[in-house]
PDB file of all heavy atoms in Angstrom:
ATOM      1  N   LEU A   1     124.544 102.036  95.299  1.00  0.00           N
ATOM      2  CA  LEU A   1     125.249 101.075  96.093  1.00  0.00           C
ATOM      3  C   LEU A   1     124.471 100.725  97.380  1.00  0.00           C
ATOM      4  O   LEU A   1     124.344  99.553  97.728  1.00  0.00           O
ATOM      5  CB  LEU A   1     126.666 101.589  96.461  1.00  0.00           C
ATOM      6  CG  LEU A   1     127.650 101.726  95.313  1.00  0.00           C
ATOM      7  CD1 LEU A   1     128.893 102.465  95.753  1.00  0.00           C
ATOM      8  CD2 LEU A   1     127.992 100.345  94.760  1.00  0.00           C
ATOM      9  N   ALA A   2     123.995 101.760  98.051  1.00  0.00           N
ATOM     10  CA  ALA A   2     123.231 101.500  99.261  1.00  0.00           C
ATOM     11  C   ALA A   2     121.924 100.726  98.987  1.00  0.00           C
ATOM     12  O   ALA A   2     121.532  99.830  99.747  1.00  0.00           O
ATOM     13  CB  ALA A   2     122.879 102.816  99.961  1.00  0.00           C
ATOM     14  N   ARG A   3     121.293 101.027  97.863  1.00  0.00           N
ATOM     15  CA  ARG A   3     120.081 100.313  97.492  1.00  0.00           C
ATOM     16  C   ARG A   3     120.373  98.842  97.235  1.00  0.00           C
ATOM     17  O   ARG A   3     119.619  97.945  97.657  1.00  0.00           O
ATOM     18  CB  ARG A   3     119.436 100.938  96.289  1.00  0.00           C
ATOM     19  CG  ARG A   3     118.133 100.206  95.846  1.00  0.00           C
ATOM     20  CD  ARG A   3     117.397 100.943  94.763  1.00  0.00           C
ATOM     21  NE  ARG A   3     116.281 100.161  94.274  1.00  0.00           N
ATOM     22  CZ  ARG A   3     115.359 100.604  93.415  1.00  0.00           C
ATOM     23  NH1 ARG A   3     115.444 101.827  92.937  1.00  0.00           N
ATOM     24  NH2 ARG A   3     114.359  99.779  93.012  1.00  0.00           N
ATOM     25  N   ARG A   4     121.495  98.560  96.554  1.00  0.00           N
ATOM     26  CA  ARG A   4     121.852  97.160  96.323  1.00  0.00           C
ATOM     27  C   ARG A   4     122.035  96.438  97.621  1.00  0.00           C
ATOM     28  O   ARG A   4     121.604  95.253  97.805  1.00  0.00           O
ATOM     29  CB  ARG A   4     123.175  97.082  95.510  1.00  0.00           C
ATOM     30  CG  ARG A   4     122.966  97.233  93.989  1.00  0.00           C
ATOM     31  CD  ARG A   4     124.318  97.197  93.283  1.00  0.00           C
ATOM     32  NE  ARG A   4     125.094  96.036  93.634  1.00  0.00           N
ATOM     33  CZ  ARG A   4     126.423  95.937  93.597  1.00  0.00           C
ATOM     34  NH1 ARG A   4     127.091  97.048  93.220  1.00  0.00           N
ATOM     35  NH2 ARG A   4     127.052  94.830  93.899  1.00  0.00           N
ATOM     36  N   ALA A   5     122.672  97.024  98.565  1.00  0.00           N
ATOM     37  CA  ALA A   5     122.879  96.403  99.917  1.00  0.00           C
ATOM     38  C   ALA A   5     121.520  96.218 100.587  1.00  0.00           C
ATOM     39  O   ALA A   5     121.223  95.093 101.119  1.00  0.00           O
ATOM     40  CB  ALA A   5     123.817  97.244 100.771  1.00  0.00           C
ATOM     41  N   ALA A   6     120.680  97.229 100.554  1.00  0.00           N
ATOM     42  CA  ALA A   6     119.398  97.152 101.199  1.00  0.00           C
ATOM     43  C   ALA A   6     118.478  96.137 100.632  1.00  0.00           C
ATOM     44  O   ALA A   6     117.760  95.424 101.316  1.00  0.00           O
ATOM     45  CB  ALA A   6     118.737  98.524 101.194  1.00  0.00           C
ATOM     46  N   GLU A   7     118.526  95.964  99.279  1.00  0.00           N
ATOM     47  CA  GLU A   7     117.655  95.029  98.595  1.00  0.00           C
ATOM     48  C   GLU A   7     118.100  93.545  98.854  1.00  0.00           C
ATOM     49  O   GLU A   7     117.317  92.632  98.609  1.00  0.00           O
ATOM     50  CB  GLU A   7     117.623  95.268  97.100  1.00  0.00           C
ATOM     51  CG  GLU A   7     116.805  96.555  96.754  1.00  0.00           C
ATOM     52  CD  GLU A   7     116.746  96.791  95.267  1.00  0.00           C
ATOM     53  OE1 GLU A   7     117.737  96.451  94.544  1.00  0.00           O
ATOM     54  OE2 GLU A   7     115.747  97.382  94.833  1.00  0.00           O
ATOM     55  N   SER A   8     119.290  93.419  99.403  1.00  0.00           N
ATOM     56  CA  SER A   8     119.790  92.047  99.653  1.00  0.00           C
ATOM     57  C   SER A   8     119.421  91.564 101.077  1.00  0.00           C
ATOM     58  O   SER A   8     119.649  90.383 101.377  1.00  0.00           O
ATOM     59  CB  SER A   8     121.276  92.009  99.506  1.00  0.00           C
ATOM     60  OG  SER A   8     121.925  92.604 100.670  1.00  0.00           O
ATOM     61  N   VAL A   9     118.841  92.399 101.922  1.00  0.00           N
ATOM     62  CA  VAL A   9     118.685  92.000 103.309  1.00  0.00           C
ATOM     63  C   VAL A   9     117.725  90.842 103.473  1.00  0.00           C
ATOM     64  O   VAL A   9     116.704  90.770 102.740  1.00  0.00           O
ATOM     65  CB  VAL A   9     118.257  93.180 104.220  1.00  0.00           C
ATOM     66  CG1 VAL A   9     119.282  94.315 104.193  1.00  0.00           C
ATOM     67  CG2 VAL A   9     116.868  93.669 103.867  1.00  0.00           C
ATOM     68  N   ASP A  10     118.035  89.966 104.381  1.00  0.00           N
ATOM     69  CA  ASP A  10     117.106  88.876 104.758  1.00  0.00           C
ATOM     70  C   ASP A  10     116.230  89.462 105.882  1.00  0.00           C
ATOM     71  O   ASP A  10     116.713  89.784 106.957  1.00  0.00           O
ATOM     72  CB  ASP A  10     117.889  87.706 105.246  1.00  0.00           C
ATOM     73  CG  ASP A  10     117.015  86.511 105.626  1.00  0.00           C
ATOM     74  OD1 ASP A  10     115.774  86.667 105.651  1.00  0.00           O
ATOM     75  OD2 ASP A  10     117.575  85.441 105.953  1.00  0.00           O
ATOM     76  N   THR A  11     114.961  89.588 105.653  1.00  0.00           N
ATOM     77  CA  THR A  11     114.081  90.215 106.624  1.00  0.00           C
ATOM     78  C   THR A  11     113.351  89.232 107.552  1.00  0.00           C
ATOM     79  O   THR A  11     112.536  89.653 108.375  1.00  0.00           O
ATOM     80  CB  THR A  11     113.008  91.090 105.886  1.00  0.00           C
ATOM     81  OG1 THR A  11     112.237  90.188 105.000  1.00  0.00           O
ATOM     82  CG2 THR A  11     113.633  92.192 105.092  1.00  0.00           C
ATOM     83  N   ALA A  12     113.706  87.971 107.438  1.00  0.00           N
ATOM     84  CA  ALA A  12     113.063  86.978 108.323  1.00  0.00           C
ATOM     85  C   ALA A  12     113.329  87.332 109.802  1.00  0.00           C
ATOM     86  O   ALA A  12     114.487  87.494 110.182  1.00  0.00           O
ATOM     87  CB  ALA A  12     113.564  85.596 108.009  1.00  0.00           C
ATOM     88  N   GLY A  13     112.276  87.399 110.570  1.00  0.00           N
ATOM     89  CA  GLY A  13     112.435  87.732 112.025  1.00  0.00           C
ATOM     90  C   GLY A  13     112.821  89.172 112.244  1.00  0.00           C
ATOM     91  O   GLY A  13     113.220  89.521 113.383  1.00  0.00           O
ATOM     92  N   ARG A  14     112.698  90.051 111.277  1.00  0.00           N
ATOM     93  CA  ARG A  14     113.112  91.436 111.413  1.00  0.00           C
ATOM     94  C   ARG A  14     111.935  92.359 110.954  1.00  0.00           C
ATOM     95  O   ARG A  14     111.876  92.810 109.831  1.00  0.00           O
ATOM     96  CB  ARG A  14     114.347  91.739 110.565  1.00  0.00           C
ATOM     97  CG  ARG A  14     115.543  90.838 110.999  1.00  0.00           C
ATOM     98  CD  ARG A  14     116.727  91.201 110.126  1.00  0.00           C
ATOM     99  NE  ARG A  14     117.821  90.223 110.222  1.00  0.00           N
ATOM    100  CZ  ARG A  14     118.979  90.448 110.756  1.00  0.00           C
ATOM    101  NH1 ARG A  14     119.273  91.599 111.315  1.00  0.00           N
ATOM    102  NH2 ARG A  14     119.902  89.512 110.758  1.00  0.00           N
ATOM    103  N   PRO A  15     111.007  92.610 111.871  1.00  0.00           N
ATOM    104  CA  PRO A  15     109.743  93.275 111.463  1.00  0.00           C
ATOM    105  C   PRO A  15     109.925  94.709 110.916  1.00  0.00           C
ATOM    106  O   PRO A  15     109.227  95.053 109.965  1.00  0.00           O
ATOM    107  CB  PRO A  15     108.908  93.276 112.758  1.00  0.00           C
ATOM    108  CG  PRO A  15     109.894  93.105 113.874  1.00  0.00           C
ATOM    109  CD  PRO A  15     110.992  92.247 113.280  1.00  0.00           C
ATOM    110  N   LEU A  16     110.828  95.466 111.520  1.00  0.00           N
ATOM    111  CA  LEU A  16     110.947  96.850 111.010  1.00  0.00           C
ATOM    112  C   LEU A  16     111.709  96.874 109.695  1.00  0.00           C
ATOM    113  O   LEU A  16     111.401  97.686 108.783  1.00  0.00           O
ATOM    114  CB  LEU A  16     111.680  97.712 112.060  1.00  0.00           C
ATOM    115  CG  LEU A  16     110.767  98.145 113.214  1.00  0.00           C
ATOM    116  CD1 LEU A  16     111.578  98.723 114.343  1.00  0.00           C
ATOM    117  CD2 LEU A  16     109.716  99.167 112.762  1.00  0.00           C
ATOM    118  N   ALA A  17     112.693  96.055 109.535  1.00  0.00           N
ATOM    119  CA  ALA A  17     113.410  95.950 108.274  1.00  0.00           C
ATOM    120  C   ALA A  17     112.476  95.476 107.167  1.00  0.00           C
ATOM    121  O   ALA A  17     112.435  96.027 106.060  1.00  0.00           O
ATOM    122  CB  ALA A  17     114.582  95.021 108.348  1.00  0.00           C
ATOM    123  N   ALA A  18     111.650  94.473 107.485  1.00  0.00           N
ATOM    124  CA  ALA A  18     110.722  93.929 106.516  1.00  0.00           C
ATOM    125  C   ALA A  18     109.676  95.006 106.054  1.00  0.00           C
ATOM    126  O   ALA A  18     109.384  95.092 104.912  1.00  0.00           O
ATOM    127  CB  ALA A  18     110.004  92.724 107.054  1.00  0.00           C
ATOM    128  N   ALA A  19     109.161  95.741 107.039  1.00  0.00           N
ATOM    129  CA  ALA A  19     108.131  96.715 106.713  1.00  0.00           C
ATOM    130  C   ALA A  19     108.670  97.801 105.810  1.00  0.00           C
ATOM    131  O   ALA A  19     108.039  98.247 104.870  1.00  0.00           O
ATOM    132  CB  ALA A  19     107.587  97.341 107.992  1.00  0.00           C
ATOM    133  N   ASN A  20     109.916  98.240 106.050  1.00  0.00           N
ATOM    134  CA  ASN A  20     110.495  99.283 105.214  1.00  0.00           C
ATOM    135  C   ASN A  20     110.958  98.724 103.855  1.00  0.00           C
ATOM    136  O   ASN A  20     110.899  99.431 102.818  1.00  0.00           O
ATOM    137  CB  ASN A  20     111.717  99.905 105.941  1.00  0.00           C
ATOM    138  CG  ASN A  20     111.217 100.900 106.986  1.00  0.00           C
ATOM    139  OD1 ASN A  20     110.913 102.089 106.645  1.00  0.00           O
ATOM    140  ND2 ASN A  20     111.182 100.501 108.250  1.00  0.00           N
ATOM    141  N   ALA A  21     111.422  97.477 103.834  1.00  0.00           N
ATOM    142  CA  ALA A  21     111.847  96.851 102.571  1.00  0.00           C
ATOM    143  C   ALA A  21     110.702  96.643 101.625  1.00  0.00           C
ATOM    144  O   ALA A  21     110.883  96.553 100.413  1.00  0.00           O
ATOM    145  CB  ALA A  21     112.569  95.538 102.857  1.00  0.00           C
ATOM    146  N   GLU A  22     109.459  96.524 102.173  1.00  0.00           N
ATOM    147  CA  GLU A  22     108.288  96.306 101.383  1.00  0.00           C
ATOM    148  C   GLU A  22     107.798  97.556 100.672  1.00  0.00           C
ATOM    149  O   GLU A  22     107.020  97.477  99.750  1.00  0.00           O
ATOM    150  CB  GLU A  22     107.185  95.725 102.292  1.00  0.00           C
ATOM    151  CG  GLU A  22     106.145  94.940 101.532  1.00  0.00           C
ATOM    152  CD  GLU A  22     105.231  94.195 102.509  1.00  0.00           C
ATOM    153  OE1 GLU A  22     104.956  94.777 103.586  1.00  0.00           O
ATOM    154  OE2 GLU A  22     104.813  93.065 102.181  1.00  0.00           O
ATOM    155  N   LEU A  23     108.259  98.749 101.125  1.00  0.00           N
ATOM    156  CA  LEU A  23     107.792 100.006 100.512  1.00  0.00           C
ATOM    157  C   LEU A  23     108.319 100.153  99.101  1.00  0.00           C
ATOM    158  O   LEU A  23     109.411  99.679  98.763  1.00  0.00           O
ATOM    159  CB  LEU A  23     108.250 101.190 101.300  1.00  0.00           C
ATOM    160  CG  LEU A  23     107.793 101.192 102.794  1.00  0.00           C
ATOM    161  CD1 LEU A  23     108.412 102.424 103.494  1.00  0.00           C
ATOM    162  CD2 LEU A  23     106.296 101.257 102.891  1.00  0.00           C
ATOM    163  N   GLU A  24     107.591 100.877  98.267  1.00  0.00           N
ATOM    164  CA  GLU A  24     108.087 101.189  96.910  1.00  0.00           C
ATOM    165  C   GLU A  24     109.255 102.139  97.015  1.00  0.00           C
ATOM    166  O   GLU A  24     109.323 102.980  97.918  1.00  0.00           O
ATOM    167  CB  GLU A  24     106.974 101.850  96.097  1.00  0.00           C
ATOM    168  CG  GLU A  24     105.811 100.925  95.698  1.00  0.00           C
ATOM    169  CD  GLU A  24     104.820 101.617  94.795  1.00  0.00           C
ATOM    170  OE1 GLU A  24     105.118 102.712  94.304  1.00  0.00           O
ATOM    171  OE2 GLU A  24     103.750 101.032  94.570  1.00  0.00           O
ATOM    172  N   TRP A  25     110.197 101.993  96.091  1.00  0.00           N
ATOM    173  CA  TRP A  25     111.344 102.871  96.083  1.00  0.00           C
ATOM    174  C   TRP A  25     110.983 104.221  95.484  1.00  0.00           C
ATOM    175  O   TRP A  25     110.339 104.255  94.414  1.00  0.00           O
ATOM    176  CB  TRP A  25     112.490 102.270  95.302  1.00  0.00           C
ATOM    177  CG  TRP A  25     113.176 101.136  96.060  1.00  0.00           C
ATOM    178  CD1 TRP A  25     112.866  99.806  95.974  1.00  0.00           C
ATOM    179  CD2 TRP A  25     114.208 101.274  97.003  1.00  0.00           C
ATOM    180  NE1 TRP A  25     113.670  99.066  96.807  1.00  0.00           N
ATOM    181  CE2 TRP A  25     114.532  99.970  97.469  1.00  0.00           C
ATOM    182  CE3 TRP A  25     114.941 102.362  97.505  1.00  0.00           C
ATOM    183  CZ2 TRP A  25     115.510  99.706  98.399  1.00  0.00           C
ATOM    184  CZ3 TRP A  25     115.959 102.135  98.439  1.00  0.00           C
ATOM    185  CH2 TRP A  25     116.211 100.784  98.857  1.00  0.00           C
ATOM    186  N   PRO A  26     111.342 105.338  96.126  1.00  0.00           N
ATOM    187  CA  PRO A  26     111.142 106.613  95.516  1.00  0.00           C
ATOM    188  C   PRO A  26     111.999 106.763  94.248  1.00  0.00           C
ATOM    189  O   PRO A  26     113.009 106.056  94.094  1.00  0.00           O
ATOM    190  CB  PRO A  26     111.520 107.601  96.553  1.00  0.00           C
ATOM    191  CG  PRO A  26     112.293 106.863  97.591  1.00  0.00           C
ATOM    192  CD  PRO A  26     112.000 105.412  97.387  1.00  0.00           C
ATOM    193  N   GLU A  27     111.675 107.696  93.381  1.00  0.00           N
ATOM    194  CA  GLU A  27     112.411 107.877  92.131  1.00  0.00           C
ATOM    195  C   GLU A  27     113.739 108.633  92.350  1.00  0.00           C
ATOM    196  O   GLU A  27     114.738 108.321  91.711  1.00  0.00           O
ATOM    197  CB  GLU A  27     111.538 108.593  91.113  1.00  0.00           C
ATOM    198  CG  GLU A  27     110.376 107.763  90.594  1.00  0.00           C
ATOM    199  CD  GLU A  27     109.608 108.510  89.513  1.00  0.00           C
ATOM    200  OE1 GLU A  27     110.120 109.541  89.013  1.00  0.00           O
ATOM    201  OE2 GLU A  27     108.543 108.029  89.123  1.00  0.00           O
ATOM    202  N   SER A  28     113.742 109.638  93.175  1.00  0.00           N
ATOM    203  CA  SER A  28     114.909 110.505  93.341  1.00  0.00           C
ATOM    204  C   SER A  28     116.035 109.781  94.030  1.00  0.00           C
ATOM    205  O   SER A  28     115.807 109.100  95.047  1.00  0.00           O
ATOM    206  CB  SER A  28     114.531 111.762  94.140  1.00  0.00           C
ATOM    207  OG  SER A  28     113.504 112.467  93.536  1.00  0.00           O
ATOM    208  N   PRO A  29     117.277 109.903  93.526  1.00  0.00           N
ATOM    209  CA  PRO A  29     118.393 109.208  94.173  1.00  0.00           C
ATOM    210  C   PRO A  29     118.559 109.536  95.657  1.00  0.00           C
ATOM    211  O   PRO A  29     118.867 108.673  96.459  1.00  0.00           O
ATOM    212  CB  PRO A  29     119.582 109.645  93.325  1.00  0.00           C
ATOM    213  CG  PRO A  29     119.021 109.965  91.981  1.00  0.00           C
ATOM    214  CD  PRO A  29     117.677 110.521  92.282  1.00  0.00           C
ATOM    215  N   HIS A  30     118.356 110.832  96.007  1.00  0.00           N
ATOM    216  CA  HIS A  30     118.622 111.162  97.414  1.00  0.00           C
ATOM    217  C   HIS A  30     117.601 110.517  98.304  1.00  0.00           C
ATOM    218  O   HIS A  30     117.890 110.165  99.450  1.00  0.00           O
ATOM    219  CB  HIS A  30     118.651 112.710  97.610  1.00  0.00           C
ATOM    220  CG  HIS A  30     117.386 113.404  97.329  1.00  0.00           C
ATOM    221  ND1 HIS A  30     116.849 113.561  96.074  1.00  0.00           N
ATOM    222  CD2 HIS A  30     116.498 114.076  98.138  1.00  0.00           C
ATOM    223  CE1 HIS A  30     115.726 114.266  96.096  1.00  0.00           C
ATOM    224  NE2 HIS A  30     115.489 114.568  97.363  1.00  0.00           N
ATOM    225  N   LEU A  31     116.319 110.341  97.815  1.00  0.00           N
ATOM    226  CA  LEU A  31     115.337 109.658  98.631  1.00  0.00           C
ATOM    227  C   LEU A  31     115.568 108.121  98.622  1.00  0.00           C
ATOM    228  O   LEU A  31     115.279 107.433  99.618  1.00  0.00           O
ATOM    229  CB  LEU A  31     113.943 109.991  98.147  1.00  0.00           C
ATOM    230  CG  LEU A  31     113.511 111.414  98.347  1.00  0.00           C
ATOM    231  CD1 LEU A  31     112.090 111.675  97.843  1.00  0.00           C
ATOM    232  CD2 LEU A  31     113.587 111.808  99.834  1.00  0.00           C
TER     233      LEU A  31
END
């Protein structure tokens, strides 16, 4: 659920959100 919310974010004008959203997702659910 949290990943679905995070993958929906609009990162325009949001440098820290954009940088983290660009990272590959880890495999483990807790990560």
